[in-house]
Amino acid sequence: MKTLILVRHAKSDWPENTEDFDRPLAEKGLDDAVKMSKFLKDSEIKIQKFISSPAVRALNTCKIFNQTYEIDIQEEQKLYNPTESNFEKVIYGLEDNVESVAMFSHNNGISNFANSMSDDIFMFPTCGVAGFQIDTDSWSDFENAKKKLIFFYEPKKI
């Protein structure tokens, strides 16, 4: 059994003359990321690996979570402006000794990918987190494995 956790980056700012890729987190985003990471840890959500879009707002969200978890962070370009197949390509690259992974990415891709695994309709708010149980021992079997939503958290509801 594997656990896949999807995290949409926290609320960002868009200062004048800033490219999309370089957008920083807003003050609310910083606060939400701290709150959500502590909530997950306090809820005993185990995560072995973080994989993040290299975009500033996603990577900084991941780094804030890592202040709580203190685990390896891998940057992955495929998670910036992702399609469903981008997420799958990253998943297929995981080693099987990784039991739980959190991916930090962007909308609309992250919502579309979550919706492809669940009958629930998702629209991730900023810093929203969804966890899925993947019924497999190998990430290479992800496509055909049974997937079950085990939690969905929004910053304003925790």
N, C-alpha and C. Protein backbone atom coordinates (compact mmCIF):
# COMPACT_ATOMS: atom_id res chain seq x y z
N MET A 1 0.85 -1.18 0.00
CA MET A 1 0.00 0.00 0.00
C MET A 1 0.90 1.25 0.00
N LYS A 2 0.57 2.19 -0.87
CA LYS A 2 1.31 3.45 -0.97
C LYS A 2 0.37 4.61 -0.62
N THR A 3 0.96 5.74 -0.27
CA THR A 3 0.18 6.95 -0.01
C THR A 3 0.72 8.08 -0.88
N LEU A 4 -0.18 8.69 -1.63
CA LEU A 4 0.14 9.83 -2.49
C LEU A 4 -0.59 11.04 -1.93
N ILE A 5 0.16 12.09 -1.63
CA ILE A 5 -0.41 13.32 -1.08
C ILE A 5 -0.17 14.45 -2.07
N LEU A 6 -1.23 15.14 -2.43
CA LEU A 6 -1.15 16.26 -3.36
C LEU A 6 -1.35 17.56 -2.59
N VAL A 7 -0.45 18.51 -2.79
CA VAL A 7 -0.51 19.80 -2.10
C VAL A 7 -0.47 20.91 -3.13
N ARG A 8 -1.50 21.74 -3.15
CA ARG A 8 -1.44 22.93 -3.99
C ARG A 8 -0.64 23.99 -3.24
N HIS A 9 0.19 24.71 -3.96
CA HIS A 9 0.99 25.76 -3.31
C HIS A 9 0.10 26.71 -2.51
N ALA A 10 0.68 27.32 -1.50
CA ALA A 10 -0.04 28.28 -0.66
C ALA A 10 -0.30 29.58 -1.44
N LYS A 11 -1.13 30.42 -0.87
CA LYS A 11 -1.52 31.67 -1.53
C LYS A 11 -0.30 32.50 -1.89
N SER A 12 -0.29 32.92 -3.14
CA SER A 12 0.86 33.68 -3.64
C SER A 12 0.50 35.12 -3.91
N ASP A 13 1.52 35.89 -4.12
CA ASP A 13 1.41 37.29 -4.46
C ASP A 13 1.81 37.40 -5.93
N TRP A 14 1.54 38.53 -6.55
CA TRP A 14 1.98 38.74 -7.93
C TRP A 14 2.47 40.18 -8.05
N PRO A 15 3.68 40.44 -7.51
CA PRO A 15 4.21 41.80 -7.59
C PRO A 15 4.39 42.22 -9.05
N GLU A 16 4.32 43.52 -9.25
CA GLU A 16 4.52 44.09 -10.59
C GLU A 16 5.87 43.64 -11.15
N ASN A 17 5.90 43.39 -12.45
CA ASN A 17 7.12 42.98 -13.17
C ASN A 17 7.69 41.64 -12.68
N THR A 18 6.81 40.76 -12.22
CA THR A 18 7.24 39.43 -11.78
C THR A 18 6.64 38.38 -12.72
N GLU A 19 7.50 37.51 -13.22
CA GLU A 19 7.03 36.40 -14.07
C GLU A 19 6.26 35.41 -13.21
N ASP A 20 5.34 34.65 -13.84
CA ASP A 20 4.54 33.66 -13.13
C ASP A 20 5.42 32.71 -12.31
N PHE A 21 6.49 32.23 -12.90
CA PHE A 21 7.38 31.26 -12.25
C PHE A 21 7.97 31.81 -10.95
N ASP A 22 8.19 33.11 -10.90
CA ASP A 22 8.90 33.74 -9.78
C ASP A 22 7.99 34.35 -8.71
N ARG A 23 6.69 34.09 -8.79
CA ARG A 23 5.76 34.67 -7.82
C ARG A 23 6.04 34.16 -6.41
N PRO A 24 6.16 35.07 -5.44
CA PRO A 24 6.41 34.67 -4.04
C PRO A 24 5.11 34.33 -3.32
N LEU A 25 5.25 33.77 -2.14
CA LEU A 25 4.09 33.54 -1.30
C LEU A 25 3.65 34.85 -0.65
N ALA A 26 2.34 34.99 -0.51
CA ALA A 26 1.77 36.12 0.24
C ALA A 26 1.88 35.80 1.73
N GLU A 27 1.70 36.80 2.56
CA GLU A 27 1.75 36.60 4.02
C GLU A 27 0.77 35.52 4.46
N LYS A 28 -0.44 35.55 3.92
CA LYS A 28 -1.45 34.52 4.23
C LYS A 28 -0.96 33.14 3.81
N GLY A 29 -0.29 33.07 2.68
CA GLY A 29 0.25 31.80 2.21
C GLY A 29 1.30 31.25 3.15
N LEU A 30 2.17 32.11 3.64
CA LEU A 30 3.19 31.68 4.60
C LEU A 30 2.51 31.11 5.85
N ASP A 31 1.52 31.82 6.35
CA ASP A 31 0.81 31.39 7.57
C ASP A 31 0.07 30.07 7.33
N ASP A 32 -0.62 29.95 6.18
CA ASP A 32 -1.36 28.72 5.87
C ASP A 32 -0.43 27.52 5.73
N ALA A 33 0.72 27.71 5.12
CA ALA A 33 1.65 26.59 4.93
C ALA A 33 2.18 26.10 6.27
N VAL A 34 2.50 27.01 7.16
CA VAL A 34 2.95 26.61 8.50
C VAL A 34 1.83 25.86 9.22
N LYS A 35 0.62 26.42 9.18
CA LYS A 35 -0.53 25.81 9.86
C LYS A 35 -0.83 24.42 9.29
N MET A 36 -0.83 24.28 7.97
CA MET A 36 -1.17 23.00 7.35
C MET A 36 -0.10 21.95 7.62
N SER A 37 1.17 22.33 7.53
CA SER A 37 2.23 21.35 7.77
C SER A 37 2.18 20.84 9.20
N LYS A 38 1.94 21.71 10.15
CA LYS A 38 1.85 21.29 11.56
C LYS A 38 0.61 20.43 11.79
N PHE A 39 -0.49 20.78 11.13
CA PHE A 39 -1.72 19.99 11.24
C PHE A 39 -1.48 18.57 10.73
N LEU A 40 -0.83 18.43 9.58
CA LEU A 40 -0.57 17.10 9.03
C LEU A 40 0.33 16.29 9.96
N LYS A 41 1.39 16.92 10.44
CA LYS A 41 2.32 16.22 11.34
C LYS A 41 1.60 15.82 12.64
N ASP A 42 0.81 16.73 13.21
CA ASP A 42 0.07 16.44 14.43
C ASP A 42 -0.99 15.35 14.21
N SER A 43 -1.46 15.23 12.97
CA SER A 43 -2.44 14.19 12.61
C SER A 43 -1.76 12.87 12.25
N GLU A 44 -0.44 12.83 12.44
CA GLU A 44 0.38 11.65 12.18
C GLU A 44 0.32 11.19 10.72
N ILE A 45 0.24 12.17 9.81
CA ILE A 45 0.34 11.88 8.38
C ILE A 45 1.82 11.70 8.08
N LYS A 46 2.19 10.48 7.71
CA LYS A 46 3.59 10.18 7.45
C LYS A 46 3.94 10.49 5.99
N ILE A 47 5.04 11.17 5.80
CA ILE A 47 5.53 11.51 4.46
C ILE A 47 7.02 11.22 4.44
N GLN A 48 7.46 10.46 3.45
CA GLN A 48 8.87 10.10 3.32
C GLN A 48 9.62 10.99 2.34
N LYS A 49 8.91 11.57 1.38
CA LYS A 49 9.59 12.32 0.32
C LYS A 49 8.70 13.46 -0.14
N PHE A 50 9.33 14.60 -0.42
CA PHE A 50 8.66 15.75 -1.01
C PHE A 50 9.17 15.91 -2.44
N ILE A 51 8.24 16.13 -3.36
CA ILE A 51 8.59 16.46 -4.74
C ILE A 51 7.84 17.73 -5.08
N SER A 52 8.56 18.75 -5.55
CA SER A 52 7.94 20.05 -5.77
C SER A 52 8.23 20.61 -7.15
N SER A 53 7.24 21.30 -7.66
CA SER A 53 7.47 22.20 -8.79
C SER A 53 8.58 23.15 -8.39
N PRO A 54 9.46 23.52 -9.32
CA PRO A 54 10.52 24.47 -8.98
C PRO A 54 10.05 25.92 -8.93
N ALA A 55 8.80 26.20 -9.30
CA ALA A 55 8.29 27.57 -9.23
C ALA A 55 8.37 28.06 -7.79
N VAL A 56 8.71 29.32 -7.61
CA VAL A 56 8.99 29.88 -6.29
C VAL A 56 7.88 29.61 -5.29
N ARG A 57 6.62 29.84 -5.67
CA ARG A 57 5.53 29.69 -4.71
C ARG A 57 5.32 28.24 -4.28
N ALA A 58 5.50 27.29 -5.18
CA ALA A 58 5.36 25.88 -4.82
C ALA A 58 6.56 25.41 -4.01
N LEU A 59 7.75 25.75 -4.45
CA LEU A 59 8.96 25.31 -3.74
C LEU A 59 9.03 25.91 -2.34
N ASN A 60 8.63 27.16 -2.19
CA ASN A 60 8.63 27.77 -0.85
C ASN A 60 7.58 27.14 0.05
N THR A 61 6.43 26.76 -0.51
CA THR A 61 5.43 26.02 0.27
C THR A 61 6.05 24.72 0.77
N CYS A 62 6.71 24.01 -0.13
CA CYS A 62 7.36 22.75 0.22
C CYS A 62 8.43 22.96 1.30
N LYS A 63 9.21 24.00 1.16
CA LYS A 63 10.26 24.27 2.15
C LYS A 63 9.67 24.57 3.53
N ILE A 64 8.53 25.23 3.57
CA ILE A 64 7.86 25.48 4.85
C ILE A 64 7.39 24.16 5.46
N PHE A 65 6.80 23.29 4.64
CA PHE A 65 6.40 21.96 5.13
C PHE A 65 7.63 21.21 5.66
N ASN A 66 8.75 21.42 4.99
CA ASN A 66 9.96 20.70 5.38
C ASN A 66 10.55 21.19 6.70
N GLN A 67 10.18 22.39 7.12
CA GLN A 67 10.60 22.84 8.45
C GLN A 67 9.94 21.98 9.52
N THR A 68 8.79 21.41 9.20
CA THR A 68 8.09 20.52 10.11
C THR A 68 8.55 19.07 9.95
N TYR A 69 8.71 18.63 8.69
CA TYR A 69 9.00 17.21 8.42
C TYR A 69 10.49 16.85 8.34
N GLU A 70 11.31 17.76 7.85
CA GLU A 70 12.76 17.54 7.73
C GLU A 70 13.08 16.27 6.93
N ILE A 71 12.66 16.26 5.66
CA ILE A 71 12.94 15.14 4.76
C ILE A 71 13.50 15.68 3.45
N ASP A 72 13.86 14.78 2.54
CA ASP A 72 14.42 15.19 1.26
C ASP A 72 13.39 15.90 0.39
N ILE A 73 13.86 16.92 -0.32
CA ILE A 73 13.04 17.62 -1.32
C ILE A 73 13.66 17.38 -2.69
N GLN A 74 12.82 16.98 -3.62
CA GLN A 74 13.24 16.83 -5.01
C GLN A 74 12.46 17.86 -5.83
N GLU A 75 13.15 18.65 -6.64
CA GLU A 75 12.47 19.57 -7.54
C GLU A 75 12.19 18.84 -8.84
N GLU A 76 11.00 19.08 -9.40
CA GLU A 76 10.61 18.40 -10.63
C GLU A 76 9.87 19.37 -11.55
N GLN A 77 10.51 19.70 -12.66
CA GLN A 77 9.94 20.63 -13.64
C GLN A 77 8.57 20.18 -14.14
N LYS A 78 8.35 18.88 -14.22
CA LYS A 78 7.07 18.35 -14.72
C LYS A 78 5.88 18.79 -13.87
N LEU A 79 6.12 19.23 -12.63
CA LEU A 79 5.01 19.64 -11.77
C LEU A 79 4.67 21.13 -11.89
N TYR A 80 5.36 21.84 -12.79
CA TYR A 80 5.01 23.23 -13.08
C TYR A 80 4.11 23.22 -14.32
N ASN A 81 2.94 23.83 -14.23
CA ASN A 81 1.92 23.77 -15.29
C ASN A 81 1.67 22.33 -15.73
N PRO A 82 1.34 21.45 -14.78
CA PRO A 82 1.29 20.02 -15.08
C PRO A 82 -0.01 19.57 -15.75
N THR A 83 0.13 18.49 -16.50
CA THR A 83 -1.01 17.73 -17.00
C THR A 83 -1.11 16.47 -16.13
N GLU A 84 -2.19 15.72 -16.29
CA GLU A 84 -2.33 14.48 -15.53
C GLU A 84 -1.16 13.55 -15.82
N SER A 85 -0.74 13.48 -17.07
CA SER A 85 0.36 12.57 -17.43
C SER A 85 1.68 13.03 -16.82
N ASN A 86 1.85 14.32 -16.57
CA ASN A 86 3.07 14.80 -15.90
C ASN A 86 3.17 14.21 -14.49
N PHE A 87 2.03 14.22 -13.76
CA PHE A 87 2.03 13.63 -12.42
C PHE A 87 2.37 12.14 -12.51
N GLU A 88 1.76 11.46 -13.46
CA GLU A 88 2.01 10.03 -13.61
C GLU A 88 3.48 9.75 -13.93
N LYS A 89 4.09 10.55 -14.77
CA LYS A 89 5.51 10.34 -15.10
C LYS A 89 6.38 10.48 -13.85
N VAL A 90 6.06 11.44 -13.00
CA VAL A 90 6.82 11.60 -11.76
C VAL A 90 6.59 10.39 -10.85
N ILE A 91 5.36 9.94 -10.75
CA ILE A 91 5.04 8.77 -9.91
C ILE A 91 5.78 7.53 -10.39
N TYR A 92 5.81 7.32 -11.71
CA TYR A 92 6.49 6.13 -12.24
C TYR A 92 7.99 6.18 -11.99
N GLY A 93 8.53 7.35 -11.71
CA GLY A 93 9.95 7.47 -11.41
C GLY A 93 10.30 7.22 -9.95
N LEU A 94 9.29 7.01 -9.11
CA LEU A 94 9.54 6.78 -7.69
C LEU A 94 10.10 5.38 -7.43
N GLU A 95 10.99 5.30 -6.47
CA GLU A 95 11.50 3.99 -6.05
C GLU A 95 10.47 3.35 -5.14
N ASP A 96 10.39 2.02 -5.20
CA ASP A 96 9.35 1.32 -4.45
C ASP A 96 9.55 1.34 -2.93
N ASN A 97 10.75 1.69 -2.46
CA ASN A 97 10.94 1.80 -1.01
C ASN A 97 10.30 3.07 -0.45
N VAL A 98 9.85 3.97 -1.31
CA VAL A 98 9.11 5.16 -0.89
C VAL A 98 7.65 4.76 -0.72
N GLU A 99 7.19 4.77 0.53
CA GLU A 99 5.81 4.37 0.82
C GLU A 99 4.84 5.54 0.74
N SER A 100 5.33 6.75 1.02
CA SER A 100 4.46 7.93 1.01
C SER A 100 5.22 9.12 0.45
N VAL A 101 4.55 9.83 -0.46
CA VAL A 101 5.17 10.97 -1.13
C VAL A 101 4.17 12.12 -1.18
N ALA A 102 4.66 13.33 -1.03
CA ALA A 102 3.83 14.52 -1.19
C ALA A 102 4.36 15.30 -2.39
N MET A 103 3.44 15.68 -3.29
CA MET A 103 3.79 16.46 -4.48
C MET A 103 3.18 17.84 -4.37
N PHE A 104 4.01 18.86 -4.56
CA PHE A 104 3.60 20.26 -4.46
C PHE A 104 3.50 20.82 -5.88
N SER A 105 2.28 21.29 -6.23
CA SER A 105 2.08 21.71 -7.61
C SER A 105 1.03 22.81 -7.70
N HIS A 106 0.42 22.95 -8.86
CA HIS A 106 -0.40 24.10 -9.22
C HIS A 106 -1.76 23.66 -9.77
N ASN A 107 -2.71 24.58 -9.70
CA ASN A 107 -3.98 24.39 -10.39
C ASN A 107 -3.83 24.88 -11.82
N ASN A 108 -4.55 24.37 -12.71
CA ASN A 108 -5.66 23.44 -12.68
C ASN A 108 -5.19 21.99 -12.71
N GLY A 109 -3.93 21.78 -12.96
CA GLY A 109 -3.40 20.43 -13.09
C GLY A 109 -3.60 19.56 -11.88
N ILE A 110 -3.37 20.10 -10.68
CA ILE A 110 -3.48 19.27 -9.48
C ILE A 110 -4.93 18.88 -9.22
N SER A 111 -5.87 19.78 -9.47
CA SER A 111 -7.29 19.44 -9.30
C SER A 111 -7.71 18.40 -10.33
N ASN A 112 -7.29 18.58 -11.57
CA ASN A 112 -7.64 17.61 -12.62
C ASN A 112 -7.09 16.23 -12.30
N PHE A 113 -5.85 16.17 -11.81
CA PHE A 113 -5.25 14.89 -11.49
C PHE A 113 -5.99 14.22 -10.32
N ALA A 114 -6.31 14.99 -9.28
CA ALA A 114 -7.07 14.45 -8.15
C ALA A 114 -8.42 13.93 -8.62
N ASN A 115 -9.09 14.68 -9.49
CA ASN A 115 -10.39 14.26 -10.00
C ASN A 115 -10.29 12.98 -10.83
N SER A 116 -9.16 12.74 -11.47
CA SER A 116 -9.00 11.52 -12.27
C SER A 116 -8.88 10.28 -11.38
N MET A 117 -8.58 10.48 -10.09
CA MET A 117 -8.43 9.35 -9.17
C MET A 117 -9.62 9.15 -8.25
N SER A 118 -10.59 10.04 -8.29
CA SER A 118 -11.67 10.00 -7.30
C SER A 118 -13.00 10.39 -7.93
N ASP A 119 -14.07 9.89 -7.33
CA ASP A 119 -15.41 10.29 -7.76
C ASP A 119 -15.80 11.64 -7.17
N ASP A 120 -15.05 12.08 -6.14
CA ASP A 120 -15.30 13.39 -5.55
C ASP A 120 -14.83 14.46 -6.54
N ILE A 121 -15.48 15.58 -6.53
CA ILE A 121 -15.09 16.68 -7.40
C ILE A 121 -14.21 17.63 -6.61
N PHE A 122 -12.99 17.82 -7.09
CA PHE A 122 -12.02 18.65 -6.41
C PHE A 122 -11.81 19.98 -7.11
N MET A 123 -11.71 21.00 -6.32
CA MET A 123 -11.11 22.25 -6.77
C MET A 123 -10.26 22.68 -5.59
N PHE A 124 -8.97 22.42 -5.72
CA PHE A 124 -8.05 22.69 -4.63
C PHE A 124 -7.98 24.18 -4.33
N PRO A 125 -8.20 24.55 -3.06
CA PRO A 125 -7.88 25.92 -2.67
C PRO A 125 -6.36 26.00 -2.50
N THR A 126 -5.83 27.20 -2.39
CA THR A 126 -4.40 27.31 -2.11
C THR A 126 -4.10 26.63 -0.78
N CYS A 127 -3.01 25.88 -0.77
CA CYS A 127 -2.55 25.08 0.37
C CYS A 127 -3.51 23.96 0.76
N GLY A 128 -4.41 23.59 -0.17
CA GLY A 128 -5.25 22.42 0.03
C GLY A 128 -4.42 21.16 -0.10
N VAL A 129 -4.80 20.12 0.64
CA VAL A 129 -4.05 18.86 0.67
C VAL A 129 -5.02 17.69 0.54
N ALA A 130 -4.73 16.80 -0.41
CA ALA A 130 -5.53 15.58 -0.58
C ALA A 130 -4.60 14.38 -0.46
N GLY A 131 -5.06 13.36 0.27
CA GLY A 131 -4.29 12.13 0.41
C GLY A 131 -5.04 10.97 -0.22
N PHE A 132 -4.30 10.15 -0.94
CA PHE A 132 -4.88 8.98 -1.61
C PHE A 132 -4.12 7.73 -1.20
N GLN A 133 -4.88 6.67 -0.94
CA GLN A 133 -4.29 5.36 -0.70
C GLN A 133 -4.24 4.66 -2.06
N ILE A 134 -3.05 4.18 -2.41
CA ILE A 134 -2.84 3.51 -3.69
C ILE A 134 -2.58 2.04 -3.39
N ASP A 135 -3.47 1.18 -3.84
CA ASP A 135 -3.40 -0.24 -3.52
C ASP A 135 -2.39 -0.95 -4.43
N THR A 136 -1.11 -0.79 -4.08
CA THR A 136 -0.04 -1.42 -4.84
C THR A 136 1.23 -1.46 -3.98
N ASP A 137 2.13 -2.35 -4.33
CA ASP A 137 3.44 -2.38 -3.69
C ASP A 137 4.49 -1.71 -4.56
N SER A 138 4.12 -1.42 -5.81
CA SER A 138 5.06 -0.82 -6.76
C SER A 138 4.42 0.38 -7.46
N TRP A 139 5.14 1.50 -7.44
CA TRP A 139 4.64 2.70 -8.12
C TRP A 139 4.46 2.46 -9.61
N SER A 140 5.17 1.49 -10.16
CA SER A 140 5.05 1.20 -11.59
C SER A 140 3.67 0.64 -11.94
N ASP A 141 2.92 0.18 -10.93
CA ASP A 141 1.56 -0.33 -11.16
C ASP A 141 0.49 0.73 -10.89
N PHE A 142 0.90 1.98 -10.76
CA PHE A 142 -0.01 3.07 -10.38
C PHE A 142 -1.26 3.14 -11.26
N GLU A 143 -1.09 3.07 -12.56
CA GLU A 143 -2.23 3.26 -13.47
C GLU A 143 -3.37 2.29 -13.18
N ASN A 144 -3.05 1.03 -12.94
CA ASN A 144 -4.09 0.01 -12.75
C ASN A 144 -4.45 -0.23 -11.28
N ALA A 145 -3.75 0.42 -10.37
CA ALA A 145 -4.01 0.21 -8.94
C ALA A 145 -5.30 0.91 -8.52
N LYS A 146 -5.97 0.32 -7.55
CA LYS A 146 -7.16 0.95 -6.96
C LYS A 146 -6.70 2.15 -6.13
N LYS A 147 -7.41 3.27 -6.29
CA LYS A 147 -7.07 4.51 -5.59
C LYS A 147 -8.25 4.95 -4.74
N LYS A 148 -7.95 5.36 -3.51
CA LYS A 148 -9.02 5.76 -2.60
C LYS A 148 -8.63 7.05 -1.90
N LEU A 149 -9.53 8.04 -1.93
CA LEU A 149 -9.32 9.28 -1.20
C LEU A 149 -9.41 8.98 0.29
N ILE A 150 -8.37 9.37 1.05
CA ILE A 150 -8.39 9.12 2.50
C ILE A 150 -8.52 10.41 3.31
N PHE A 151 -8.18 11.56 2.70
CA PHE A 151 -8.42 12.83 3.37
C PHE A 151 -8.32 13.99 2.38
N PHE A 152 -8.99 15.07 2.74
CA PHE A 152 -8.91 16.33 1.99
C PHE A 152 -9.04 17.46 3.00
N TYR A 153 -7.99 18.27 3.10
CA TYR A 153 -7.95 19.36 4.07
C TYR A 153 -7.77 20.70 3.38
N GLU A 154 -8.48 21.69 3.90
CA GLU A 154 -8.35 23.07 3.42
C GLU A 154 -7.93 23.93 4.61
N PRO A 155 -7.02 24.88 4.38
CA PRO A 155 -6.53 25.69 5.50
C PRO A 155 -7.63 26.36 6.32
N LYS A 156 -8.66 26.84 5.66
CA LYS A 156 -9.70 27.58 6.39
C LYS A 156 -10.59 26.65 7.23
N LYS A 157 -10.47 25.33 7.03
CA LYS A 157 -11.31 24.38 7.78
C LYS A 157 -10.55 23.58 8.83
N ILE A 158 -9.29 23.93 9.04
CA ILE A 158 -8.54 23.20 10.08
C ILE A 158 -8.22 24.12 11.25
